């Protein structure tokens, strides 16, 4: 019997030792997890700060870039009005290129601002009828290119699940770029 008690005591001590080792390992694991969580929280906080700085920078740059663009557009308009019929066709073409490119730059600035604000707007995922969206965008864009005689053929597109405003902006940029590169000014 004494031998059995010794054996059971030894087994209990071994189990106790293993439990203590497991507890230590678990304690170390929890400490590591807490440290990793704190690192992630710090990284997220820093990321938020950097995003705010980027947004502020984007707003500042876009605001600063608008002033010279307005001046270019104003002077182009004044020049066009002052010179009237005195400007030959080449001069009118150059003036149109200046005006159109200035407007493009304005659109790029607007896009920059939209991009910088994306973080502030919450993403609302909905099902989007891509056929309707592409047709709508195309109808909006073709007004800006009346002489291009561009046609678009749209096969049946599957619905898409995403943020309607963001998808709209991506498609506007894609289609607009396609038209600009096909028909440069």
N, C-alpha and C. Protein backbone atom coordinates (compact mmCIF):
# COMPACT_ATOMS: atom_id res chain seq x y z
N UNK A 1 0.81 -1.18 0.00
CA UNK A 1 0.00 0.00 0.00
C UNK A 1 0.87 1.26 0.00
N UNK A 2 1.90 1.20 0.81
CA UNK A 2 2.80 2.35 0.86
C UNK A 2 3.40 2.63 -0.52
N UNK A 3 3.70 1.57 -1.22
CA UNK A 3 4.25 1.71 -2.57
C UNK A 3 3.24 2.37 -3.50
N UNK A 4 1.98 2.02 -3.36
CA UNK A 4 0.92 2.61 -4.18
C UNK A 4 0.76 4.09 -3.88
N UNK A 5 0.86 4.46 -2.61
CA UNK A 5 0.77 5.87 -2.22
C UNK A 5 1.93 6.64 -2.82
N UNK A 6 3.13 6.07 -2.75
CA UNK A 6 4.31 6.74 -3.34
C UNK A 6 4.12 6.93 -4.85
N UNK A 7 3.62 5.89 -5.48
CA UNK A 7 3.41 5.96 -6.93
C UNK A 7 2.38 7.04 -7.27
N UNK A 8 1.29 7.05 -6.53
CA UNK A 8 0.24 8.04 -6.78
C UNK A 8 0.75 9.46 -6.47
N UNK A 9 1.52 9.59 -5.43
CA UNK A 9 2.09 10.88 -5.09
C UNK A 9 3.03 11.35 -6.19
N UNK A 10 3.83 10.47 -6.70
CA UNK A 10 4.75 10.82 -7.80
C UNK A 10 3.97 11.23 -9.05
N UNK A 11 2.90 10.49 -9.34
CA UNK A 11 2.06 10.84 -10.49
C UNK A 11 1.44 12.22 -10.31
N UNK A 12 0.94 12.47 -9.10
CA UNK A 12 0.32 13.77 -8.81
C UNK A 12 1.34 14.90 -8.92
N UNK A 13 2.55 14.66 -8.41
CA UNK A 13 3.60 15.68 -8.50
C UNK A 13 3.96 15.95 -9.96
N UNK A 14 4.02 14.89 -10.77
CA UNK A 14 4.33 15.05 -12.20
C UNK A 14 3.22 15.84 -12.90
N UNK A 15 1.97 15.51 -12.58
CA UNK A 15 0.84 16.24 -13.18
C UNK A 15 0.85 17.70 -12.73
N UNK A 16 1.15 17.93 -11.45
CA UNK A 16 1.22 19.29 -10.93
C UNK A 16 2.33 20.07 -11.65
N UNK A 17 3.48 19.43 -11.84
CA UNK A 17 4.60 20.07 -12.54
C UNK A 17 4.20 20.43 -13.98
N UNK A 18 3.52 19.51 -14.66
CA UNK A 18 3.09 19.77 -16.03
C UNK A 18 2.07 20.91 -16.08
N UNK A 19 1.17 20.93 -15.10
CA UNK A 19 0.17 22.01 -15.04
C UNK A 19 0.86 23.35 -14.82
N UNK A 20 1.85 23.37 -13.92
CA UNK A 20 2.59 24.61 -13.66
C UNK A 20 3.34 25.06 -14.90
N UNK A 21 3.94 24.12 -15.63
CA UNK A 21 4.63 24.47 -16.88
C UNK A 21 3.64 25.02 -17.91
N UNK A 22 2.48 24.40 -17.99
CA UNK A 22 1.44 24.88 -18.92
C UNK A 22 0.98 26.28 -18.53
N UNK A 23 0.83 26.51 -17.23
CA UNK A 23 0.42 27.84 -16.76
C UNK A 23 1.47 28.88 -17.11
N UNK A 24 2.75 28.54 -16.93
CA UNK A 24 3.82 29.47 -17.29
C UNK A 24 3.80 29.76 -18.79
N UNK A 25 3.65 28.70 -19.58
CA UNK A 25 3.61 28.87 -21.04
C UNK A 25 2.42 29.74 -21.43
N UNK A 26 1.28 29.50 -20.79
CA UNK A 26 0.08 30.29 -21.07
C UNK A 26 0.29 31.75 -20.66
N UNK A 27 0.94 31.96 -19.53
CA UNK A 27 1.24 33.33 -19.07
C UNK A 27 2.14 34.04 -20.08
N UNK A 28 3.18 33.36 -20.55
CA UNK A 28 4.06 33.95 -21.57
C UNK A 28 3.30 34.26 -22.86
N UNK A 29 2.43 33.33 -23.24
CA UNK A 29 1.64 33.52 -24.45
C UNK A 29 0.72 34.74 -24.31
N UNK A 30 0.07 34.87 -23.15
CA UNK A 30 -0.80 36.02 -22.92
C UNK A 30 -0.01 37.33 -22.92
N UNK A 31 1.19 37.30 -22.32
CA UNK A 31 2.03 38.49 -22.33
C UNK A 31 2.42 38.86 -23.76
N UNK A 32 2.78 37.85 -24.56
CA UNK A 32 3.13 38.11 -25.96
C UNK A 32 1.94 38.66 -26.74
N UNK A 33 0.76 38.09 -26.47
CA UNK A 33 -0.45 38.57 -27.16
C UNK A 33 -0.76 40.01 -26.77
N UNK A 34 -0.63 40.33 -25.49
CA UNK A 34 -0.88 41.70 -25.05
C UNK A 34 0.12 42.67 -25.68
N UNK A 35 1.37 42.25 -25.75
CA UNK A 35 2.39 43.09 -26.37
C UNK A 35 2.07 43.29 -27.86
N UNK A 36 1.67 42.23 -28.54
CA UNK A 36 1.31 42.34 -29.96
C UNK A 36 0.09 43.24 -30.14
N UNK A 37 -0.91 43.11 -29.25
CA UNK A 37 -2.10 43.95 -29.31
C UNK A 37 -1.73 45.42 -29.13
N UNK A 38 -0.84 45.69 -28.18
CA UNK A 38 -0.41 47.08 -27.95
C UNK A 38 0.35 47.61 -29.17
N UNK A 39 1.19 46.77 -29.78
CA UNK A 39 1.90 47.18 -30.99
C UNK A 39 0.92 47.52 -32.11
N UNK A 40 -0.11 46.69 -32.26
CA UNK A 40 -1.13 46.94 -33.29
C UNK A 40 -1.88 48.23 -33.00
N UNK A 41 -2.25 48.44 -31.74
CA UNK A 41 -2.95 49.68 -31.37
C UNK A 41 -2.08 50.90 -31.66
N UNK A 42 -0.80 50.82 -31.33
CA UNK A 42 0.11 51.93 -31.61
C UNK A 42 0.25 52.16 -33.11
N UNK A 43 0.36 51.07 -33.86
CA UNK A 43 0.47 51.20 -35.32
C UNK A 43 -0.80 51.80 -35.91
N UNK A 44 -1.96 51.38 -35.41
CA UNK A 44 -3.23 51.95 -35.89
C UNK A 44 -3.33 53.43 -35.56
N UNK A 45 -2.91 53.79 -34.36
CA UNK A 45 -2.95 55.20 -33.97
C UNK A 45 -2.03 56.02 -34.88
N UNK A 46 -0.85 55.51 -35.13
CA UNK A 46 0.10 56.21 -36.01
C UNK A 46 -0.46 56.30 -37.43
N UNK A 47 -1.09 55.24 -37.89
CA UNK A 47 -1.70 55.23 -39.22
C UNK A 47 -2.80 56.29 -39.32
N UNK A 48 -3.62 56.41 -38.28
CA UNK A 48 -4.66 57.44 -38.27
C UNK A 48 -4.04 58.83 -38.34
N UNK A 49 -2.95 59.05 -37.59
CA UNK A 49 -2.28 60.34 -37.62
C UNK A 49 -1.72 60.64 -39.01
N UNK A 50 -1.09 59.64 -39.62
CA UNK A 50 -0.52 59.82 -40.96
C UNK A 50 -1.63 60.09 -41.97
N UNK A 51 -2.76 59.38 -41.85
CA UNK A 51 -3.88 59.61 -42.77
C UNK A 51 -4.43 61.03 -42.63
N UNK A 52 -4.51 61.52 -41.40
CA UNK A 52 -4.97 62.90 -41.19
C UNK A 52 -3.99 63.89 -41.80
N UNK A 53 -2.70 63.63 -41.63
CA UNK A 53 -1.69 64.50 -42.24
C UNK A 53 -1.79 64.47 -43.76
N UNK A 54 -1.99 63.29 -44.32
CA UNK A 54 -2.12 63.15 -45.77
C UNK A 54 -3.35 63.89 -46.28
N UNK A 55 -4.45 63.75 -45.57
CA UNK A 55 -5.67 64.45 -45.97
C UNK A 55 -5.47 65.96 -45.91
N UNK A 56 -4.85 66.42 -44.85
CA UNK A 56 -4.58 67.85 -44.70
C UNK A 56 -3.66 68.34 -45.81
N UNK A 57 -2.62 67.56 -46.10
CA UNK A 57 -1.70 67.91 -47.18
C UNK A 57 -2.42 67.96 -48.52
N UNK A 58 -3.24 66.95 -48.80
CA UNK A 58 -3.97 66.90 -50.07
C UNK A 58 -4.88 68.11 -50.21
N UNK A 59 -5.57 68.46 -49.13
CA UNK A 59 -6.46 69.61 -49.19
C UNK A 59 -5.66 70.89 -49.44
N UNK A 60 -4.56 71.03 -48.72
CA UNK A 60 -3.73 72.23 -48.87
C UNK A 60 -3.16 72.34 -50.28
N UNK A 61 -2.62 71.24 -50.79
CA UNK A 61 -2.04 71.25 -52.14
C UNK A 61 -3.12 71.54 -53.17
N UNK A 62 -4.26 70.90 -53.05
CA UNK A 62 -5.31 71.12 -54.04
C UNK A 62 -5.81 72.56 -53.99
N UNK A 63 -5.90 73.11 -52.79
CA UNK A 63 -6.32 74.51 -52.67
C UNK A 63 -5.29 75.43 -53.31
N UNK A 64 -4.01 75.17 -53.05
CA UNK A 64 -2.94 76.00 -53.61
C UNK A 64 -2.87 75.88 -55.13
N UNK A 65 -3.18 74.71 -55.67
CA UNK A 65 -3.13 74.52 -57.12
C UNK A 65 -4.32 75.16 -57.83
N UNK A 66 -5.41 75.35 -57.14
CA UNK A 66 -6.60 75.94 -57.77
C UNK A 66 -6.39 77.41 -58.14
N UNK A 67 -5.66 78.14 -57.34
CA UNK A 67 -5.48 79.58 -57.60
C UNK A 67 -4.84 79.83 -58.96
N UNK A 68 -3.72 79.21 -59.30
CA UNK A 68 -3.17 79.45 -60.63
C UNK A 68 -4.07 78.94 -61.76
N UNK A 69 -4.79 77.87 -61.51
CA UNK A 69 -5.71 77.36 -62.54
C UNK A 69 -6.82 78.37 -62.81
N UNK A 70 -7.36 78.95 -61.74
CA UNK A 70 -8.40 79.98 -61.94
C UNK A 70 -7.84 81.15 -62.72
N UNK A 71 -6.61 81.54 -62.41
CA UNK A 71 -5.99 82.65 -63.13
C UNK A 71 -5.81 82.30 -64.61
N UNK A 72 -5.35 81.10 -64.91
CA UNK A 72 -5.17 80.68 -66.30
C UNK A 72 -6.51 80.70 -67.03
N UNK A 73 -7.54 80.15 -66.40
CA UNK A 73 -8.86 80.15 -67.04
C UNK A 73 -9.39 81.57 -67.23
N UNK A 74 -9.22 82.42 -66.22
CA UNK A 74 -9.68 83.81 -66.34
C UNK A 74 -8.95 84.54 -67.45
N UNK A 75 -7.63 84.40 -67.51
CA UNK A 75 -6.87 85.09 -68.55
C UNK A 75 -7.18 84.53 -69.94
N UNK A 76 -7.38 83.23 -70.02
CA UNK A 76 -7.75 82.64 -71.31
C UNK A 76 -9.10 83.17 -71.77
N UNK A 77 -10.03 83.27 -70.83
CA UNK A 77 -11.35 83.80 -71.16
C UNK A 77 -11.26 85.27 -71.57
N UNK A 78 -10.48 86.05 -70.82
CA UNK A 78 -10.32 87.47 -71.17
C UNK A 78 -9.65 87.62 -72.53
N UNK A 79 -8.63 86.83 -72.78
CA UNK A 79 -7.94 86.89 -74.06
C UNK A 79 -8.89 86.55 -75.20
N UNK A 80 -9.69 85.53 -74.99
CA UNK A 80 -10.65 85.13 -76.01
C UNK A 80 -11.66 86.24 -76.27
N UNK A 81 -12.14 86.87 -75.21
CA UNK A 81 -13.13 87.95 -75.37
C UNK A 81 -12.51 89.20 -75.97
N UNK A 82 -11.27 89.53 -75.59
CA UNK A 82 -10.62 90.74 -76.11
C UNK A 82 -10.23 90.60 -77.57
N UNK A 83 -9.70 89.45 -77.92
CA UNK A 83 -9.19 89.29 -79.27
C UNK A 83 -10.30 89.02 -80.27
N UNK A 84 -11.39 88.44 -79.81
CA UNK A 84 -12.53 88.21 -80.68
C UNK A 84 -12.15 87.50 -81.96
N UNK A 85 -12.38 88.19 -83.08
CA UNK A 85 -12.14 87.59 -84.39
C UNK A 85 -10.72 87.80 -84.87
N UNK A 86 -9.88 88.44 -84.07
CA UNK A 86 -8.51 88.72 -84.50
C UNK A 86 -7.59 87.50 -84.40
N UNK A 87 -8.01 86.49 -83.69
CA UNK A 87 -7.18 85.30 -83.51
C UNK A 87 -7.47 84.32 -84.65
N UNK A 88 -6.40 83.83 -85.27
CA UNK A 88 -6.59 82.86 -86.36
C UNK A 88 -6.98 81.50 -85.78
N UNK A 89 -7.23 80.55 -86.66
CA UNK A 89 -7.68 79.22 -86.23
C UNK A 89 -6.66 78.54 -85.32
N UNK A 90 -5.38 78.68 -85.63
CA UNK A 90 -4.34 78.07 -84.80
C UNK A 90 -4.35 78.68 -83.40
N UNK A 91 -4.51 79.98 -83.32
CA UNK A 91 -4.58 80.65 -82.01
C UNK A 91 -5.79 80.17 -81.22
N UNK A 92 -6.93 80.00 -81.90
CA UNK A 92 -8.13 79.50 -81.22
C UNK A 92 -7.92 78.07 -80.74
N UNK A 93 -7.24 77.28 -81.57
CA UNK A 93 -6.98 75.89 -81.17
C UNK A 93 -6.08 75.86 -79.94
N UNK A 94 -5.03 76.68 -79.95
CA UNK A 94 -4.12 76.73 -78.80
C UNK A 94 -4.85 77.19 -77.55
N UNK A 95 -5.70 78.20 -77.70
CA UNK A 95 -6.48 78.69 -76.56
C UNK A 95 -7.40 77.60 -76.02
N UNK A 96 -7.99 76.83 -76.91
CA UNK A 96 -8.86 75.72 -76.50
C UNK A 96 -8.05 74.65 -75.76
N UNK A 97 -6.85 74.35 -76.26
CA UNK A 97 -5.99 73.37 -75.59
C UNK A 97 -5.65 73.86 -74.18
N UNK A 98 -5.32 75.13 -74.06
CA UNK A 98 -5.01 75.70 -72.73
C UNK A 98 -6.21 75.55 -71.81
N UNK A 99 -7.37 75.94 -72.29
CA UNK A 99 -8.58 75.88 -71.48
C UNK A 99 -8.93 74.44 -71.10
N UNK A 100 -8.90 73.55 -72.09
CA UNK A 100 -9.26 72.16 -71.82
C UNK A 100 -8.29 71.51 -70.84
N UNK A 101 -7.00 71.75 -71.02
CA UNK A 101 -6.02 71.16 -70.10
C UNK A 101 -6.11 71.75 -68.71
N UNK A 102 -6.45 73.01 -68.62
CA UNK A 102 -6.65 73.63 -67.32
C UNK A 102 -7.85 73.00 -66.62
N UNK A 103 -8.90 72.74 -67.39
CA UNK A 103 -10.07 72.07 -66.81
C UNK A 103 -9.74 70.64 -66.40
N UNK A 104 -8.91 69.96 -67.18
CA UNK A 104 -8.48 68.60 -66.81
C UNK A 104 -7.72 68.64 -65.49
N UNK A 105 -6.84 69.63 -65.36
CA UNK A 105 -6.08 69.75 -64.12
C UNK A 105 -7.03 70.00 -62.95
N UNK A 106 -8.04 70.81 -63.17
CA UNK A 106 -9.04 71.03 -62.13
C UNK A 106 -9.73 69.74 -61.73
N UNK A 107 -10.03 68.90 -62.73
CA UNK A 107 -10.65 67.61 -62.44
C UNK A 107 -9.70 66.70 -61.67
N UNK A 108 -8.43 66.72 -62.02
CA UNK A 108 -7.45 65.93 -61.28
C UNK A 108 -7.37 66.38 -59.82
N UNK A 109 -7.44 67.67 -59.61
CA UNK A 109 -7.43 68.20 -58.25
C UNK A 109 -8.67 67.74 -57.50
N UNK A 110 -9.83 67.79 -58.17
CA UNK A 110 -11.06 67.30 -57.54
C UNK A 110 -10.93 65.82 -57.19
N UNK A 111 -10.34 65.04 -58.10
CA UNK A 111 -10.14 63.62 -57.84
C UNK A 111 -9.21 63.39 -56.65
N UNK A 112 -8.18 64.22 -56.54
CA UNK A 112 -7.26 64.13 -55.41
C UNK A 112 -8.01 64.38 -54.11
N UNK A 113 -8.85 65.40 -54.10
CA UNK A 113 -9.64 65.69 -52.91
C UNK A 113 -10.59 64.54 -52.59
N UNK A 114 -11.24 64.01 -53.61
CA UNK A 114 -12.15 62.88 -53.39
C UNK A 114 -11.41 61.70 -52.79
N UNK A 115 -10.22 61.44 -53.31
CA UNK A 115 -9.42 60.33 -52.80
C UNK A 115 -9.03 60.57 -51.35
N UNK A 116 -8.67 61.81 -51.01
CA UNK A 116 -8.24 62.08 -49.64
C UNK A 116 -9.41 61.98 -48.67
N UNK A 117 -10.63 62.16 -49.16
CA UNK A 117 -11.81 62.08 -48.29
C UNK A 117 -12.35 60.67 -48.16
N UNK A 118 -11.86 59.74 -48.95
CA UNK A 118 -12.40 58.38 -48.92
C UNK A 118 -12.34 57.78 -47.52
N UNK A 119 -11.31 58.10 -46.76
CA UNK A 119 -11.17 57.54 -45.43
C UNK A 119 -12.28 58.04 -44.51
N UNK A 120 -12.77 59.26 -44.75
CA UNK A 120 -13.79 59.84 -43.88
C UNK A 120 -15.17 59.28 -44.16
N UNK A 121 -15.39 58.87 -45.39
CA UNK A 121 -16.71 58.38 -45.73
C UNK A 121 -16.77 56.89 -45.45
N UNK A 122 -17.88 56.48 -44.90
CA UNK A 122 -18.01 55.05 -44.63
C UNK A 122 -18.37 54.33 -45.93
N UNK A 123 -17.88 53.15 -46.06
CA UNK A 123 -18.15 52.35 -47.25
C UNK A 123 -19.50 51.67 -47.06
N UNK A 124 -20.39 51.92 -48.01
CA UNK A 124 -21.72 51.31 -47.96
C UNK A 124 -21.81 50.32 -49.12
N UNK A 125 -21.71 49.05 -48.80
CA UNK A 125 -21.74 48.03 -49.85
C UNK A 125 -23.19 47.70 -50.20
N UNK A 126 -23.47 47.82 -51.49
CA UNK A 126 -24.79 47.49 -52.02
C UNK A 126 -24.59 46.74 -53.33
N UNK A 127 -25.64 46.11 -53.80
CA UNK A 127 -25.58 45.48 -55.11
C UNK A 127 -25.77 46.57 -56.16
N UNK A 128 -24.88 46.59 -57.14
CA UNK A 128 -24.88 47.64 -58.16
C UNK A 128 -25.19 47.01 -59.51
N UNK A 129 -26.17 47.57 -60.21
CA UNK A 129 -26.46 47.15 -61.58
C UNK A 129 -25.42 47.84 -62.46
N UNK A 130 -24.42 47.09 -62.88
CA UNK A 130 -23.30 47.67 -63.62
C UNK A 130 -23.72 48.18 -65.00
N UNK A 131 -24.67 47.52 -65.65
CA UNK A 131 -25.14 48.00 -66.95
C UNK A 131 -25.71 49.41 -66.82
N UNK A 132 -26.59 49.60 -65.84
CA UNK A 132 -27.19 50.92 -65.64
C UNK A 132 -26.14 51.96 -65.27
N UNK A 133 -25.21 51.59 -64.40
CA UNK A 133 -24.19 52.54 -63.96
C UNK A 133 -23.29 52.96 -65.11
N UNK A 134 -22.82 52.01 -65.91
CA UNK A 134 -21.93 52.34 -67.03
C UNK A 134 -22.67 53.22 -68.04
N UNK A 135 -23.93 52.90 -68.34
CA UNK A 135 -24.71 53.72 -69.29
C UNK A 135 -24.89 55.14 -68.75
N UNK A 136 -25.19 55.25 -67.47
CA UNK A 136 -25.37 56.57 -66.85
C UNK A 136 -24.09 57.39 -66.96
N UNK A 137 -22.97 56.79 -66.60
CA UNK A 137 -21.69 57.49 -66.65
C UNK A 137 -21.34 57.87 -68.08
N UNK A 138 -21.57 56.95 -69.00
CA UNK A 138 -21.26 57.25 -70.40
C UNK A 138 -22.10 58.43 -70.90
N UNK A 139 -23.37 58.47 -70.54
CA UNK A 139 -24.22 59.59 -70.96
C UNK A 139 -23.73 60.91 -70.37
N UNK A 140 -23.20 60.85 -69.15
CA UNK A 140 -22.64 62.06 -68.54
C UNK A 140 -21.36 62.49 -69.27
N UNK A 141 -20.51 61.53 -69.62
CA UNK A 141 -19.22 61.86 -70.23
C UNK A 141 -19.33 62.31 -71.68
N UNK A 142 -20.22 61.70 -72.45
CA UNK A 142 -20.25 62.01 -73.88
C UNK A 142 -20.69 63.44 -74.15
N UNK A 143 -21.30 64.09 -73.20
CA UNK A 143 -21.65 65.51 -73.34
C UNK A 143 -20.38 66.34 -73.51
N UNK A 144 -19.30 65.92 -72.87
CA UNK A 144 -18.04 66.66 -72.93
C UNK A 144 -17.27 66.42 -74.22
N UNK A 145 -17.70 65.47 -75.02
CA UNK A 145 -17.00 65.13 -76.26
C UNK A 145 -17.99 65.05 -77.43
N UNK A 146 -18.68 66.14 -77.72
CA UNK A 146 -19.74 66.07 -78.74
C UNK A 146 -19.22 65.77 -80.15
N UNK A 147 -18.00 66.15 -80.45
CA UNK A 147 -17.47 65.96 -81.80
C UNK A 147 -16.76 64.63 -81.99
N UNK A 148 -16.60 63.87 -80.94
CA UNK A 148 -15.78 62.66 -81.03
C UNK A 148 -16.49 61.50 -81.71
N UNK A 149 -17.79 61.50 -81.73
CA UNK A 149 -18.59 60.42 -82.34
C UNK A 149 -18.21 59.06 -81.75
N UNK A 150 -17.88 59.05 -80.50
CA UNK A 150 -17.51 57.81 -79.82
C UNK A 150 -18.78 57.02 -79.53
N UNK A 151 -18.70 55.72 -79.76
CA UNK A 151 -19.79 54.82 -79.42
C UNK A 151 -19.25 53.80 -78.44
N UNK A 152 -20.12 53.34 -77.60
CA UNK A 152 -19.70 52.33 -76.63
C UNK A 152 -20.67 51.16 -76.72
N UNK A 153 -20.13 49.98 -76.80
CA UNK A 153 -20.94 48.76 -76.80
C UNK A 153 -20.77 48.08 -75.45
N UNK A 154 -21.87 47.87 -74.78
CA UNK A 154 -21.82 47.28 -73.44
C UNK A 154 -22.46 45.90 -73.49
N UNK A 155 -21.65 44.87 -73.26
CA UNK A 155 -22.22 43.53 -73.11
C UNK A 155 -22.93 43.48 -71.77
N UNK A 156 -23.67 42.44 -71.57
CA UNK A 156 -24.36 42.29 -70.29
C UNK A 156 -23.32 42.10 -69.19
N UNK A 157 -23.38 42.99 -68.22
CA UNK A 157 -22.42 42.94 -67.11
C UNK A 157 -23.10 42.34 -65.88
N UNK A 158 -22.38 41.55 -65.12
CA UNK A 158 -22.98 41.00 -63.90
C UNK A 158 -23.08 42.10 -62.85
N UNK A 159 -24.00 41.94 -61.91
CA UNK A 159 -24.06 42.93 -60.82
C UNK A 159 -22.79 42.86 -59.99
N UNK A 160 -22.51 43.96 -59.32
CA UNK A 160 -21.31 44.04 -58.49
C UNK A 160 -21.74 44.43 -57.09
N UNK A 161 -21.07 43.92 -56.10
CA UNK A 161 -21.35 44.26 -54.72
C UNK A 161 -20.23 45.16 -54.23
N UNK A 162 -20.56 46.42 -53.92
CA UNK A 162 -19.53 47.36 -53.46
C UNK A 162 -20.14 48.71 -53.14
N UNK A 163 -19.28 49.69 -52.90
CA UNK A 163 -19.72 51.05 -52.62
C UNK A 163 -20.02 51.76 -53.94
N UNK A 164 -21.27 52.17 -54.12
CA UNK A 164 -21.71 52.76 -55.38
C UNK A 164 -20.89 54.00 -55.74
N UNK A 165 -20.63 54.88 -54.80
CA UNK A 165 -19.90 56.11 -55.09
C UNK A 165 -18.47 55.83 -55.52
N UNK A 166 -17.82 54.89 -54.85
CA UNK A 166 -16.43 54.58 -55.21
C UNK A 166 -16.36 53.91 -56.58
N UNK A 167 -17.26 52.98 -56.84
CA UNK A 167 -17.28 52.32 -58.14
C UNK A 167 -17.60 53.34 -59.23
N UNK A 168 -18.51 54.25 -58.95
CA UNK A 168 -18.85 55.31 -59.90
C UNK A 168 -17.61 56.12 -60.25
N UNK A 169 -16.85 56.51 -59.23
CA UNK A 169 -15.65 57.33 -59.45
C UNK A 169 -14.61 56.57 -60.26
N UNK A 170 -14.42 55.30 -59.96
CA UNK A 170 -13.45 54.49 -60.71
C UNK A 170 -13.85 54.41 -62.18
N UNK A 171 -15.13 54.16 -62.45
CA UNK A 171 -15.58 54.05 -63.85
C UNK A 171 -15.50 55.38 -64.57
N UNK A 172 -15.82 56.48 -63.89
CA UNK A 172 -15.68 57.81 -64.51
C UNK A 172 -14.23 58.02 -64.92
N UNK A 173 -13.31 57.71 -64.02
CA UNK A 173 -11.88 57.89 -64.33
C UNK A 173 -11.45 57.00 -65.49
N UNK A 174 -11.86 55.74 -65.49
CA UNK A 174 -11.47 54.82 -66.56
C UNK A 174 -12.01 55.26 -67.91
N UNK A 175 -13.31 55.55 -67.96
CA UNK A 175 -13.91 55.94 -69.25
C UNK A 175 -13.38 57.29 -69.72
N UNK A 176 -13.22 58.22 -68.80
CA UNK A 176 -12.69 59.54 -69.16
C UNK A 176 -11.27 59.42 -69.71
N UNK A 177 -10.44 58.63 -69.04
CA UNK A 177 -9.07 58.43 -69.52
C UNK A 177 -9.06 57.75 -70.88
N UNK A 178 -9.94 56.79 -71.08
CA UNK A 178 -10.00 56.09 -72.37
C UNK A 178 -10.33 57.07 -73.49
N UNK A 179 -11.28 57.96 -73.24
CA UNK A 179 -11.67 58.94 -74.26
C UNK A 179 -10.54 59.94 -74.49
N UNK A 180 -9.93 60.42 -73.42
CA UNK A 180 -8.85 61.40 -73.56
C UNK A 180 -7.67 60.83 -74.33
N UNK A 181 -7.35 59.58 -74.09
CA UNK A 181 -6.20 58.99 -74.78
C UNK A 181 -6.53 58.59 -76.22
N UNK A 182 -7.78 58.33 -76.48
CA UNK A 182 -8.19 57.99 -77.85
C UNK A 182 -8.30 59.26 -78.69
N UNK A 183 -8.76 60.34 -78.07
CA UNK A 183 -8.96 61.60 -78.78
C UNK A 183 -8.24 62.72 -78.04
N UNK A 184 -6.91 62.76 -78.09
CA UNK A 184 -6.18 63.82 -77.37
C UNK A 184 -6.48 65.18 -77.98
N UNK A 185 -6.36 66.17 -77.14
CA UNK A 185 -6.63 67.54 -77.61
C UNK A 185 -5.47 68.08 -78.40
